Each structure stands twice: as C-alpha cells, then as structure tokens.
Amino acid sequence: MEEAQAEEPTEEPTEEPAEEAEEEPAEAEETEDADEELITVSDLVDEDELDGDDSIADLLEDVNEQPAEGEIVPDGIEGISNGGVDFANMMKYNRSFIARIIQSNDDVKRYYGQVKNAMLAYKKVNSSIAWGAERFNKGRETIAKFKIRGKTLCLYLNLDSNEYKTSVYHHVDVTNNKSMRGTPMMVKIKSPLGVKKAIRLIDEMLAKRNGEKRVIQERDYAAMYPYETIEELIEDGLVKDVSKNK
C-alpha cells in the first residue's frame, strides 16, 4: 500500500478564501496550485466570526499569556506596566488570525505549519482563512479550525471530547461556544509533544471519515510569515485600528 502511495505525484495543498460565514464551501476538485504567496487582506473575508463573549475571552487570553524570557511581544500591545494592564491600548487593535501568526514566535509558527501540513496531507481536505480563524473542510464538512488565543495556538476538532481522556490531551469541551459549532474539542498546542498529540487526533478524526493520505509539498510557514510591526500590519490591512471608528 505504501509503495503505491509513493508513486503518486506530489500535490500542492489547497487553500481557498473563506465563503460567507453561514455557508460551507463546496467540495473542491483536486488540482495543483501555483506556489503559495503570503496571504494578504484581499484573500481574507472581512468578517467577525466571534460573538461578544469570544471577543472578551480573546482579550483575557492576551492578558493572561505573559511573554516567556526572550519571547517577542506583539508590537503595539502593552504588557504589564505599573502593576496593571493597559486595556485601552490592548482594545485599540483588532488583529486578524494571519496578523497573530505573523507576530507569533518561531516555535508557534513551526507548530502551526506542522499541524497544518498534517491536515492538508489528506485528500479532499482544504483550508480557508477568515478574519478571526482558519477553517479546514473535507468536502462540505468542517472538520477543524485554528485560532490563536493570547499567544497560544488552539486547534478545534470535529471530535467528541467525551471519547478522549483529558489527562492525556488536556482538551476542553467548547460545545457551548457558538462560533466553534461543529468543532467542539479544543486542544492547545504549546510544544512538540502537543504537535504529536494534535496530529494523532487528526489521524483518528480522518480515519472515521475514510480519509486517504496523499503526498504533498510541505511548506515552511515560519519563513512565509516573517515578523511585522503593528504599523506594517495595519498598512497590509491585517490589523484594524478600531479606535479610529469611535
């Protein structure tokens, strides 16, 4: 079986612009794409997938996730200062998912790339990037989503949380989160071990859907998304200065 698979031509994983929030993309034909370029604002859907509670949760994650020693702090967002947090400045910017990837450290970018490549290594699986998240579909079914909460990469999977031990995966049941409908199992990816566990869950999830692997050209997303300042991201259209709307 492995020998037959090796003979297949290498495919380029597909990434598509997201459709309207309520619509699921039609099943994509398997075609070879041109070399991927950096996602720009024209490739993003200017939509807010988050409800109010989720937006507040994102803000709290930004506060609680303190930078590790030597870690790059996203430019334009103040950390702890004079015994408190500058909430006004933190709420000044609405950062897209891609902006959060760009301002993440290289470890997070590497984890993101490894898990994303593992997902796209399955036939008929493609991704689409919206303002606040990245969605993965197999045919018309949404099977996973990526978000960054604070500085942590989070993967939401179309799996039943009750079927897995929290002592092993340390996952969270987000069934009650409307914006994560269809992907109720959330795992945080903070280490190489977290990557391995996430890929194991992806393989189990796709096995339940008769997923077939293909040979793809893996991409270095850390190299694709070099760090940019908040001013550069605003100019790119990947961050909104919401204070100007007041």
C-alpha atoms as a PDB file:
ATOM      1  CA  MET A   1       0.000   0.000   0.000  1.00  0.00           C
ATOM      2  CA  GLU A   2       2.855   2.377   0.945  1.00  0.00           C
ATOM      3  CA  GLU A   3       4.674   1.629  -2.329  1.00  0.00           C
ATOM      4  CA  ALA A   4       1.595   2.518  -4.361  1.00  0.00           C
ATOM      5  CA  GLN A   5       1.208   5.764  -2.472  1.00  0.00           C
ATOM      6  CA  ALA A   6       4.798   6.778  -3.116  1.00  0.00           C
ATOM      7  CA  GLU A   7       4.192   6.624  -6.861  1.00  0.00           C
ATOM      8  CA  GLU A   8       1.529   9.329  -6.708  1.00  0.00           C
ATOM      9  CA  PRO A   9       2.637  12.760  -7.920  1.00  0.00           C
ATOM     10  CA  THR A  10       3.260  15.356  -5.252  1.00  0.00           C
ATOM     11  CA  GLU A  11       0.244  17.631  -4.825  1.00  0.00           C
ATOM     12  CA  GLU A  12       0.085  21.218  -3.675  1.00  0.00           C
ATOM     13  CA  PRO A  13      -2.262  21.558  -0.663  1.00  0.00           C
ATOM     14  CA  THR A  14      -5.129  23.866  -1.442  1.00  0.00           C
ATOM     15  CA  GLU A  15      -6.083  26.998   0.425  1.00  0.00           C
ATOM     16  CA  GLU A  16      -9.181  28.918  -0.530  1.00  0.00           C
ATOM     17  CA  PRO A  17     -10.655  32.275   0.532  1.00  0.00           C
ATOM     18  CA  ALA A  18     -13.430  31.758   3.058  1.00  0.00           C
ATOM     19  CA  GLU A  19     -17.038  31.919   1.925  1.00  0.00           C
ATOM     20  CA  GLU A  20     -19.806  33.722   3.808  1.00  0.00           C
ATOM     21  CA  ALA A  21     -19.861  32.724   7.489  1.00  0.00           C
ATOM     22  CA  GLU A  22     -23.060  30.663   7.193  1.00  0.00           C
ATOM     23  CA  GLU A  23     -22.100  28.810   4.033  1.00  0.00           C
ATOM     24  CA  GLU A  24     -19.975  25.692   3.787  1.00  0.00           C
ATOM     25  CA  PRO A  25     -17.658  25.588   0.767  1.00  0.00           C
ATOM     26  CA  ALA A  26     -18.488  23.141  -1.976  1.00  0.00           C
ATOM     27  CA  GLU A  27     -16.242  20.104  -2.368  1.00  0.00           C
ATOM     28  CA  ALA A  28     -13.083  21.210  -4.085  1.00  0.00           C
ATOM     29  CA  GLU A  29     -11.643  19.449  -7.091  1.00  0.00           C
ATOM     30  CA  GLU A  30      -8.107  18.237  -6.593  1.00  0.00           C
ATOM     31  CA  THR A  31      -5.919  20.496  -8.670  1.00  0.00           C
ATOM     32  CA  GLU A  32      -2.362  21.670  -8.470  1.00  0.00           C
ATOM     33  CA  ASP A  33      -1.984  25.216  -7.177  1.00  0.00           C
ATOM     34  CA  ALA A  34       0.641  27.767  -8.005  1.00  0.00           C
ATOM     35  CA  ASP A  35       3.311  28.463  -5.385  1.00  0.00           C
ATOM     36  CA  GLU A  36       1.670  29.940  -2.315  1.00  0.00           C
ATOM     37  CA  GLU A  37       2.274  33.576  -1.529  1.00  0.00           C
ATOM     38  CA  LEU A  38       1.749  35.472   1.699  1.00  0.00           C
ATOM     39  CA  ILE A  39      -1.940  35.837   2.484  1.00  0.00           C
ATOM     40  CA  THR A  40      -2.952  39.466   2.090  1.00  0.00           C
ATOM     41  CA  VAL A  41      -6.084  41.332   3.070  1.00  0.00           C
ATOM     42  CA  SER A  42      -7.611  40.663  -0.358  1.00  0.00           C
ATOM     43  CA  ASP A  43      -7.527  36.941   0.482  1.00  0.00           C
ATOM     44  CA  LEU A  44      -9.317  37.411   3.779  1.00  0.00           C
ATOM     45  CA  VAL A  45     -13.018  37.638   4.433  1.00  0.00           C
ATOM     46  CA  ASP A  46     -13.688  40.864   6.292  1.00  0.00           C
ATOM     47  CA  GLU A  47     -15.988  39.271   8.817  1.00  0.00           C
ATOM     48  CA  ASP A  48     -16.105  38.975  12.586  1.00  0.00           C
ATOM     49  CA  GLU A  49     -16.664  35.313  13.407  1.00  0.00           C
ATOM     50  CA  LEU A  50     -16.575  35.980  17.117  1.00  0.00           C
ATOM     51  CA  ASP A  51     -19.523  36.701  19.329  1.00  0.00           C
ATOM     52  CA  GLY A  52     -19.129  39.170  22.181  1.00  0.00           C
ATOM     53  CA  ASP A  53     -18.187  36.532  24.743  1.00  0.00           C
ATOM     54  CA  ASP A  54     -15.473  35.161  22.472  1.00  0.00           C
ATOM     55  CA  SER A  55     -14.000  38.611  21.882  1.00  0.00           C
ATOM     56  CA  ILE A  56     -13.768  39.153  25.642  1.00  0.00           C
ATOM     57  CA  ALA A  57     -12.166  35.724  26.004  1.00  0.00           C
ATOM     58  CA  ASP A  58      -9.534  36.674  23.429  1.00  0.00           C
ATOM     59  CA  LEU A  59      -8.751  39.841  25.372  1.00  0.00           C
ATOM     60  CA  LEU A  60      -8.405  37.931  28.641  1.00  0.00           C
ATOM     61  CA  GLU A  61      -6.111  35.417  26.951  1.00  0.00           C
ATOM     62  CA  ASP A  62      -3.923  38.292  25.743  1.00  0.00           C
ATOM     63  CA  VAL A  63      -3.677  39.476  29.362  1.00  0.00           C
ATOM     64  CA  ASN A  64      -3.064  36.072  30.920  1.00  0.00           C
ATOM     65  CA  GLU A  65      -0.481  34.848  28.409  1.00  0.00           C
ATOM     66  CA  GLN A  66       2.643  36.533  29.739  1.00  0.00           C
ATOM     67  CA  PRO A  67       5.736  36.537  27.491  1.00  0.00           C
ATOM     68  CA  ALA A  68       8.409  33.991  28.217  1.00  0.00           C
ATOM     69  CA  GLU A  69      12.006  35.091  28.565  1.00  0.00           C
ATOM     70  CA  GLY A  70      13.322  36.207  25.188  1.00  0.00           C
ATOM     71  CA  GLU A  71       9.885  35.993  23.521  1.00  0.00           C
ATOM     72  CA  ILE A  72       8.823  38.669  21.065  1.00  0.00           C
ATOM     73  CA  VAL A  73       5.918  40.690  22.416  1.00  0.00           C
ATOM     74  CA  PRO A  74       3.444  41.732  19.681  1.00  0.00           C
ATOM     75  CA  ASP A  75       4.216  45.330  18.829  1.00  0.00           C
ATOM     76  CA  GLY A  76       1.597  47.857  19.840  1.00  0.00           C
ATOM     77  CA  ILE A  77       0.122  45.806  22.686  1.00  0.00           C
ATOM     78  CA  GLU A  78       1.313  46.815  26.121  1.00  0.00           C
ATOM     79  CA  GLY A  79       2.109  44.193  28.751  1.00  0.00           C
ATOM     80  CA  ILE A  80       2.152  44.574  32.483  1.00  0.00           C
ATOM     81  CA  SER A  81       3.031  48.150  33.390  1.00  0.00           C
ATOM     82  CA  ASN A  82       2.959  49.917  36.767  1.00  0.00           C
ATOM     83  CA  GLY A  83       1.215  46.935  38.343  1.00  0.00           C
ATOM     84  CA  GLY A  84      -1.593  46.779  35.773  1.00  0.00           C
ATOM     85  CA  VAL A  85      -2.565  46.193  32.144  1.00  0.00           C
ATOM     86  CA  ASP A  86      -3.218  48.896  29.591  1.00  0.00           C
ATOM     87  CA  PHE A  87      -6.633  47.589  28.498  1.00  0.00           C
ATOM     88  CA  ALA A  88      -7.362  50.709  26.433  1.00  0.00           C
ATOM     89  CA  ASN A  89      -4.320  50.106  24.260  1.00  0.00           C
ATOM     90  CA  MET A  90      -4.983  46.352  24.001  1.00  0.00           C
ATOM     91  CA  MET A  91      -8.514  47.010  22.763  1.00  0.00           C
ATOM     92  CA  LYS A  92      -7.286  49.567  20.259  1.00  0.00           C
ATOM     93  CA  TYR A  93      -6.361  46.935  17.674  1.00  0.00           C
ATOM     94  CA  ASN A  94      -8.393  44.176  16.051  1.00  0.00           C
ATOM     95  CA  ARG A  95      -5.805  41.683  14.861  1.00  0.00           C
ATOM     96  CA  SER A  96      -6.681  39.112  12.209  1.00  0.00           C
ATOM     97  CA  PHE A  97      -5.684  35.470  12.507  1.00  0.00           C
ATOM     98  CA  ILE A  98      -2.870  35.978   9.986  1.00  0.00           C
ATOM     99  CA  ALA A  99      -1.623  39.034  11.914  1.00  0.00           C
ATOM    100  CA  ARG A 100      -1.472  36.899  15.053  1.00  0.00           C
ATOM    101  CA  ILE A 101       0.514  34.240  13.173  1.00  0.00           C
ATOM    102  CA  ILE A 102       2.915  36.881  11.832  1.00  0.00           C
ATOM    103  CA  GLN A 103       3.508  38.286  15.322  1.00  0.00           C
ATOM    104  CA  SER A 104       3.910  34.856  16.929  1.00  0.00           C
ATOM    105  CA  ASN A 105       7.324  33.476  17.779  1.00  0.00           C
ATOM    106  CA  ASP A 106       9.025  30.934  15.524  1.00  0.00           C
ATOM    107  CA  ASP A 107       8.003  27.981  17.720  1.00  0.00           C
ATOM    108  CA  VAL A 108       4.302  28.789  17.302  1.00  0.00           C
ATOM    109  CA  LYS A 109       4.764  29.243  13.548  1.00  0.00           C
ATOM    110  CA  ARG A 110       6.551  25.893  13.352  1.00  0.00           C
ATOM    111  CA  TYR A 111       3.788  24.123  15.322  1.00  0.00           C
ATOM    112  CA  TYR A 112       1.185  25.772  13.074  1.00  0.00           C
ATOM    113  CA  GLY A 113       2.966  24.582   9.928  1.00  0.00           C
ATOM    114  CA  GLN A 114       3.465  21.022  11.141  1.00  0.00           C
ATOM    115  CA  VAL A 115      -0.177  20.566  12.129  1.00  0.00           C
ATOM    116  CA  LYS A 116      -1.495  22.320   9.023  1.00  0.00           C
ATOM    117  CA  ASN A 117       0.681  20.180   6.725  1.00  0.00           C
ATOM    118  CA  ALA A 118      -0.601  17.058   8.504  1.00  0.00           C
ATOM    119  CA  MET A 119      -4.194  18.172   7.889  1.00  0.00           C
ATOM    120  CA  LEU A 120      -3.677  19.029   4.227  1.00  0.00           C
ATOM    121  CA  ALA A 121      -1.917  15.708   3.626  1.00  0.00           C
ATOM    122  CA  TYR A 122      -5.379  14.149   3.329  1.00  0.00           C
ATOM    123  CA  LYS A 123      -7.234  14.082   0.030  1.00  0.00           C
ATOM    124  CA  LYS A 124     -10.180  16.469  -0.345  1.00  0.00           C
ATOM    125  CA  VAL A 125      -9.112  18.473   2.716  1.00  0.00           C
ATOM    126  CA  ASN A 126      -8.624  22.180   2.089  1.00  0.00           C
ATOM    127  CA  SER A 127      -8.354  25.303   4.186  1.00  0.00           C
ATOM    128  CA  SER A 128      -9.907  28.756   4.071  1.00  0.00           C
ATOM    129  CA  ILE A 129      -8.822  31.777   6.075  1.00  0.00           C
ATOM    130  CA  ALA A 130     -11.299  34.246   7.527  1.00  0.00           C
ATOM    131  CA  TRP A 131     -10.538  37.285   9.671  1.00  0.00           C
ATOM    132  CA  GLY A 132     -10.519  35.552  13.039  1.00  0.00           C
ATOM    133  CA  ALA A 133      -9.751  31.923  12.279  1.00  0.00           C
ATOM    134  CA  GLU A 134      -8.689  29.316   9.734  1.00  0.00           C
ATOM    135  CA  ARG A 135     -11.168  26.623   8.768  1.00  0.00           C
ATOM    136  CA  PHE A 136     -10.475  23.139   7.368  1.00  0.00           C
ATOM    137  CA  ASN A 137     -13.062  21.223   5.371  1.00  0.00           C
ATOM    138  CA  LYS A 138     -13.249  17.720   3.976  1.00  0.00           C
ATOM    139  CA  GLY A 139     -15.701  18.137   1.175  1.00  0.00           C
ATOM    140  CA  ARG A 140     -18.570  20.175   2.611  1.00  0.00           C
ATOM    141  CA  GLU A 141     -17.941  19.224   6.248  1.00  0.00           C
ATOM    142  CA  THR A 142     -15.973  21.482   8.581  1.00  0.00           C
ATOM    143  CA  ILE A 143     -13.543  19.223  10.424  1.00  0.00           C
ATOM    144  CA  ALA A 144     -11.222  21.677  12.198  1.00  0.00           C
ATOM    145  CA  LYS A 145     -10.416  25.296  12.968  1.00  0.00           C
ATOM    146  CA  PHE A 146      -7.288  27.155  14.028  1.00  0.00           C
ATOM    147  CA  LYS A 147      -7.278  30.189  16.305  1.00  0.00           C
ATOM    148  CA  ILE A 148      -4.686  31.975  18.359  1.00  0.00           C
ATOM    149  CA  ARG A 149      -5.821  32.828  21.885  1.00  0.00           C
ATOM    150  CA  GLY A 150      -3.413  35.203  23.531  1.00  0.00           C
ATOM    151  CA  LYS A 151      -0.142  33.770  22.254  1.00  0.00           C
ATOM    152  CA  THR A 152      -1.287  30.134  22.194  1.00  0.00           C
ATOM    153  CA  LEU A 153      -2.140  28.162  19.062  1.00  0.00           C
ATOM    154  CA  CYS A 154      -5.502  26.418  19.519  1.00  0.00           C
ATOM    155  CA  LEU A 155      -6.891  23.632  17.363  1.00  0.00           C
ATOM    156  CA  TYR A 156     -10.625  22.891  17.363  1.00  0.00           C
ATOM    157  CA  LEU A 157     -11.602  19.445  16.084  1.00  0.00           C
ATOM    158  CA  ASN A 158     -14.794  17.750  14.951  1.00  0.00           C
ATOM    159  CA  LEU A 159     -14.456  15.082  17.635  1.00  0.00           C
ATOM    160  CA  ASP A 160     -16.459  14.097  20.710  1.00  0.00           C
ATOM    161  CA  SER A 161     -14.489  15.303  23.737  1.00  0.00           C
ATOM    162  CA  ASN A 162     -16.035  12.608  25.911  1.00  0.00           C
ATOM    163  CA  GLU A 163     -14.258   9.891  23.934  1.00  0.00           C
ATOM    164  CA  TYR A 164     -10.800  11.109  24.978  1.00  0.00           C
ATOM    165  CA  LYS A 165      -9.004  11.310  28.317  1.00  0.00           C
ATOM    166  CA  THR A 166      -8.338  14.848  29.499  1.00  0.00           C
ATOM    167  CA  SER A 167      -5.326  13.506  31.395  1.00  0.00           C
ATOM    168  CA  VAL A 168      -3.755  12.683  28.018  1.00  0.00           C
ATOM    169  CA  TYR A 169      -4.869  15.501  25.703  1.00  0.00           C
ATOM    170  CA  HIS A 170      -5.716  18.232  28.226  1.00  0.00           C
ATOM    171  CA  HIS A 171      -8.532  19.254  25.904  1.00  0.00           C
ATOM    172  CA  VAL A 172     -11.515  21.493  26.552  1.00  0.00           C
ATOM    173  CA  ASP A 173     -15.138  20.924  25.533  1.00  0.00           C
ATOM    174  CA  VAL A 174     -16.296  24.114  23.763  1.00  0.00           C
ATOM    175  CA  THR A 175     -19.691  22.796  22.697  1.00  0.00           C
ATOM    176  CA  ASN A 176     -21.408  25.859  24.152  1.00  0.00           C
ATOM    177  CA  ASN A 177     -19.280  28.271  22.086  1.00  0.00           C
ATOM    178  CA  LYS A 178     -21.466  29.176  19.090  1.00  0.00           C
ATOM    179  CA  SER A 179     -18.536  30.300  16.943  1.00  0.00           C
ATOM    180  CA  MET A 180     -16.953  26.833  17.318  1.00  0.00           C
ATOM    181  CA  ARG A 181     -20.088  24.959  16.296  1.00  0.00           C
ATOM    182  CA  GLY A 182     -19.129  21.660  14.662  1.00  0.00           C
ATOM    183  CA  THR A 183     -15.630  21.629  16.183  1.00  0.00           C
ATOM    184  CA  PRO A 184     -16.323  21.133  19.906  1.00  0.00           C
ATOM    185  CA  MET A 185     -12.970  19.688  21.040  1.00  0.00           C
ATOM    186  CA  MET A 186     -10.200  22.227  21.661  1.00  0.00           C
ATOM    187  CA  VAL A 187      -6.542  21.416  22.290  1.00  0.00           C
ATOM    188  CA  LYS A 188      -3.769  23.917  22.946  1.00  0.00           C
ATOM    189  CA  ILE A 189      -0.513  23.338  21.084  1.00  0.00           C
ATOM    190  CA  LYS A 190       2.429  24.610  23.108  1.00  0.00           C
ATOM    191  CA  SER A 191       5.200  22.089  22.483  1.00  0.00           C
ATOM    192  CA  PRO A 192       6.498  19.415  20.074  1.00  0.00           C
ATOM    193  CA  LEU A 193       4.617  16.850  22.177  1.00  0.00           C
ATOM    194  CA  GLY A 194       1.459  18.908  21.725  1.00  0.00           C
ATOM    195  CA  VAL A 195       2.032  18.780  17.956  1.00  0.00           C
ATOM    196  CA  LYS A 196       2.321  14.973  18.048  1.00  0.00           C
ATOM    197  CA  LYS A 197      -0.887  14.642  20.050  1.00  0.00           C
ATOM    198  CA  ALA A 198      -2.729  17.024  17.720  1.00  0.00           C
ATOM    199  CA  ILE A 199      -1.624  15.054  14.654  1.00  0.00           C
ATOM    200  CA  ARG A 200      -2.690  11.808  16.349  1.00  0.00           C
ATOM    201  CA  LEU A 201      -6.164  13.284  16.873  1.00  0.00           C
ATOM    202  CA  ILE A 202      -6.272  14.493  13.264  1.00  0.00           C
ATOM    203  CA  ASP A 203      -5.418  10.999  12.028  1.00  0.00           C
ATOM    204  CA  GLU A 204      -8.165   9.472  14.195  1.00  0.00           C
ATOM    205  CA  MET A 205     -10.667  12.092  13.046  1.00  0.00           C
ATOM    206  CA  LEU A 206      -9.904  11.483   9.357  1.00  0.00           C
ATOM    207  CA  ALA A 207      -9.862   7.697   9.817  1.00  0.00           C
ATOM    208  CA  LYS A 208     -13.502   7.974  10.928  1.00  0.00           C
ATOM    209  CA  ARG A 209     -14.201   9.756   7.634  1.00  0.00           C
ATOM    210  CA  ASN A 210     -12.353   7.301   5.400  1.00  0.00           C
ATOM    211  CA  GLY A 211      -9.586   9.797   4.833  1.00  0.00           C
ATOM    212  CA  GLU A 212      -6.861   8.927   2.356  1.00  0.00           C
ATOM    213  CA  LYS A 213      -3.392  10.400   2.587  1.00  0.00           C
ATOM    214  CA  ARG A 214      -1.559  11.923  -0.354  1.00  0.00           C
ATOM    215  CA  VAL A 215       1.974  13.122  -0.945  1.00  0.00           C
ATOM    216  CA  ILE A 216       2.138  16.908  -0.664  1.00  0.00           C
ATOM    217  CA  GLN A 217       4.803  19.559  -0.803  1.00  0.00           C
ATOM    218  CA  GLU A 218       5.128  20.720   2.788  1.00  0.00           C
ATOM    219  CA  ARG A 219       5.525  24.444   3.382  1.00  0.00           C
ATOM    220  CA  ASP A 220       7.633  26.413   5.809  1.00  0.00           C
ATOM    221  CA  TYR A 221       5.069  28.786   7.281  1.00  0.00           C
ATOM    222  CA  ALA A 222       7.621  30.395   9.613  1.00  0.00           C
ATOM    223  CA  ALA A 223       9.517  31.569   6.534  1.00  0.00           C
ATOM    224  CA  MET A 224       6.301  32.568   4.783  1.00  0.00           C
ATOM    225  CA  TYR A 225       5.166  34.833   7.608  1.00  0.00           C
ATOM    226  CA  PRO A 226       8.141  36.865   8.914  1.00  0.00           C
ATOM    227  CA  TYR A 227       7.515  39.209  11.833  1.00  0.00           C
ATOM    228  CA  GLU A 228       5.954  42.620  11.055  1.00  0.00           C
ATOM    229  CA  THR A 229       5.229  45.602  13.261  1.00  0.00           C
ATOM    230  CA  ILE A 230       1.697  46.686  14.082  1.00  0.00           C
ATOM    231  CA  GLU A 231       2.094  49.652  11.712  1.00  0.00           C
ATOM    232  CA  GLU A 232       3.086  47.361   8.843  1.00  0.00           C
ATOM    233  CA  LEU A 233       0.156  45.048   9.556  1.00  0.00           C
ATOM    234  CA  ILE A 234      -2.273  47.967   9.569  1.00  0.00           C
ATOM    235  CA  GLU A 235      -0.872  49.053   6.212  1.00  0.00           C
ATOM    236  CA  ASP A 236      -1.301  45.485   4.916  1.00  0.00           C
ATOM    237  CA  GLY A 237      -4.922  45.528   6.091  1.00  0.00           C
ATOM    238  CA  LEU A 238      -4.335  42.668   8.534  1.00  0.00           C
ATOM    239  CA  VAL A 239      -4.944  44.768  11.654  1.00  0.00           C
ATOM    240  CA  LYS A 240      -7.693  47.323  12.235  1.00  0.00           C
ATOM    241  CA  ASP A 241      -7.183  50.356  14.446  1.00  0.00           C
ATOM    242  CA  VAL A 242     -10.672  50.310  15.942  1.00  0.00           C
ATOM    243  CA  SER A 243     -10.025  53.460  17.967  1.00  0.00           C
ATOM    244  CA  LYS A 244     -10.427  55.462  14.751  1.00  0.00           C
ATOM    245  CA  ASN A 245     -14.006  54.229  14.445  1.00  0.00           C
ATOM    246  CA  LYS A 246     -15.044  55.853  17.707  1.00  0.00           C
END
